[in-house]
Protein backbone atom coordinates (compact mmCIF):
# COMPACT_ATOMS: atom_id res chain seq x y z
CA MET A 1 -102.60 265.24 99.68
CA PHE A 2 -99.62 263.06 100.62
CA ASN A 3 -99.02 262.06 96.98
CA ALA A 4 -99.14 265.67 95.75
CA ARG A 5 -96.60 266.75 98.36
CA SER A 6 -94.33 263.80 97.54
CA THR A 7 -94.56 264.46 93.78
CA LEU A 8 -93.85 268.13 94.38
CA ARG A 9 -90.67 267.23 96.27
CA TYR A 10 -89.48 265.04 93.39
CA VAL A 11 -90.15 267.79 90.93
CA ILE A 12 -88.26 270.34 93.05
CA VAL A 13 -85.30 268.01 93.49
CA LEU A 14 -85.19 267.26 89.76
CA LEU A 15 -85.37 270.96 88.90
CA ALA A 16 -82.58 271.73 91.35
CA ILE A 17 -80.37 269.02 89.82
CA PHE A 18 -81.20 270.20 86.30
CA GLY A 19 -80.41 273.81 87.27
CA LEU A 20 -77.08 272.79 88.78
CA VAL A 21 -76.12 270.83 85.67
CA PHE A 22 -77.12 273.76 83.49
CA VAL A 23 -75.09 276.27 85.48
CA ILE A 24 -72.03 274.07 85.72
CA GLY A 25 -72.25 272.92 82.09
CA CYS A 26 -72.53 276.40 80.63
CA GLY A 27 -69.23 277.62 82.02
CA SER A 28 -66.22 278.38 79.90
CA SER A 29 -64.49 275.21 78.74
CA LYS A 30 -60.86 274.54 79.55
CA GLU A 31 -60.03 274.55 75.85
CA LYS A 32 -61.70 277.90 75.23
CA GLN A 33 -59.82 279.33 78.20
CA GLN A 34 -56.51 278.04 76.78
CA MET A 35 -57.27 279.55 73.37
CA SER A 36 -58.25 282.88 74.97
CA THR A 37 -55.01 282.90 76.95
CA PHE A 38 -53.08 282.18 73.75
CA MET A 39 -54.86 285.11 72.08
CA GLN A 40 -53.88 287.44 74.92
CA GLU A 41 -50.23 286.36 74.68
CA TYR A 42 -50.26 286.77 70.90
CA SER A 43 -51.79 290.25 71.15
CA LYS A 44 -49.28 291.25 73.82
CA THR A 45 -46.38 290.05 71.66
CA VAL A 46 -47.68 291.99 68.61
CA THR A 47 -47.97 295.12 70.77
CA GLU A 48 -44.40 294.57 71.94
CA TYR A 49 -43.33 294.09 68.32
CA SER A 50 -45.02 297.39 67.46
CA ASP A 51 -42.96 299.17 70.11
CA VAL A 52 -39.78 297.56 68.84
CA VAL A 53 -40.50 298.55 65.24
CA ASN A 54 -41.05 302.15 66.37
CA LYS A 55 -37.70 302.09 68.22
CA ALA A 56 -35.94 300.44 65.24
CA ASP A 57 -34.29 297.77 67.43
CA LYS A 58 -33.41 295.26 64.72
CA SER A 59 -32.10 292.47 66.96
CA LYS A 60 -35.18 292.46 69.20
CA GLN A 61 -37.37 292.78 66.12
CA ALA A 62 -35.88 289.64 64.56
CA GLU A 63 -36.35 287.75 67.84
CA LEU A 64 -40.00 288.76 68.07
CA GLU A 65 -40.62 287.90 64.41
CA GLY A 66 -39.46 284.37 65.15
CA ILE A 67 -41.79 284.14 68.12
CA LEU A 68 -44.71 285.58 66.17
CA ASP A 69 -44.14 283.18 63.28
CA SER A 70 -44.24 280.27 65.73
CA TYR A 71 -47.63 281.48 66.92
CA ASN A 72 -49.05 280.70 63.49
CA THR A 73 -48.13 277.02 63.81
CA LYS A 74 -49.31 276.93 67.43
CA TRP A 75 -52.69 278.45 66.49
CA THR A 76 -53.22 275.97 63.68
CA ASN A 77 -52.42 273.05 66.01
CA MET A 78 -54.73 274.44 68.71
CA LYS A 79 -57.60 274.75 66.23
CA ILE A 80 -57.14 271.15 65.12
CA GLU A 81 -56.75 269.72 68.63
CA MET A 82 -59.33 271.79 70.50
CA GLY A 83 -61.74 272.83 67.77
CA SER A 84 -64.16 270.03 68.52
CA GLU A 85 -64.18 270.86 72.23
CA ILE A 86 -65.66 274.35 71.91
CA THR A 87 -68.69 275.67 70.11
CA PRO A 88 -68.31 276.67 66.48
CA GLN A 89 -69.36 280.23 67.33
CA ALA A 90 -66.64 280.55 69.94
CA LEU A 91 -64.07 279.07 67.55
CA ASN A 92 -65.12 281.49 64.79
CA SER A 93 -64.88 284.41 67.22
CA LEU A 94 -61.43 283.40 68.38
CA ASP A 95 -60.28 282.76 64.81
CA GLN A 96 -61.52 286.22 63.76
CA GLU A 97 -59.61 287.77 66.68
CA TYR A 98 -56.51 285.86 65.55
CA GLN A 99 -56.93 287.09 61.99
CA ASP A 100 -57.27 290.72 63.21
CA ILE A 101 -54.10 290.46 65.29
CA THR A 102 -52.26 288.80 62.39
CA LYS A 103 -53.35 291.62 60.08
CA LYS A 104 -51.90 294.14 62.54
CA TYR A 105 -48.65 292.18 62.67
CA SER A 106 -48.49 291.93 58.88
CA SER A 107 -48.92 295.67 58.49
CA LEU A 108 -46.19 296.29 61.07
CA ALA A 109 -43.84 293.80 59.37
CA GLY A 110 -44.41 295.65 56.10
CA LYS A 111 -43.28 298.92 57.70
CA SER A 112 -39.94 297.57 58.83
């Protein structure tokens, strides 16, 4: 009886440790969080660009075009630097989101 109780305690402790590692390990990585934040900033800037195009403010439009063009380089660098730190599925999802936002920007740039 003593051995069964002792073994049971070890099993419970090991399961608790395994559960903790699983919960902590499955959280969002720092790299994925940075890429998601970048995506939010990029989307916000494209939305601002859309407003500027509708108002026909050429000086602000040129400024935002420069910023948006720099996002392309920044995204490429982020994919290279952080791509191995996140899952391929998450990277594909973020890349698809980037492509969708870029498509919106390209269509707006064609209007102006």
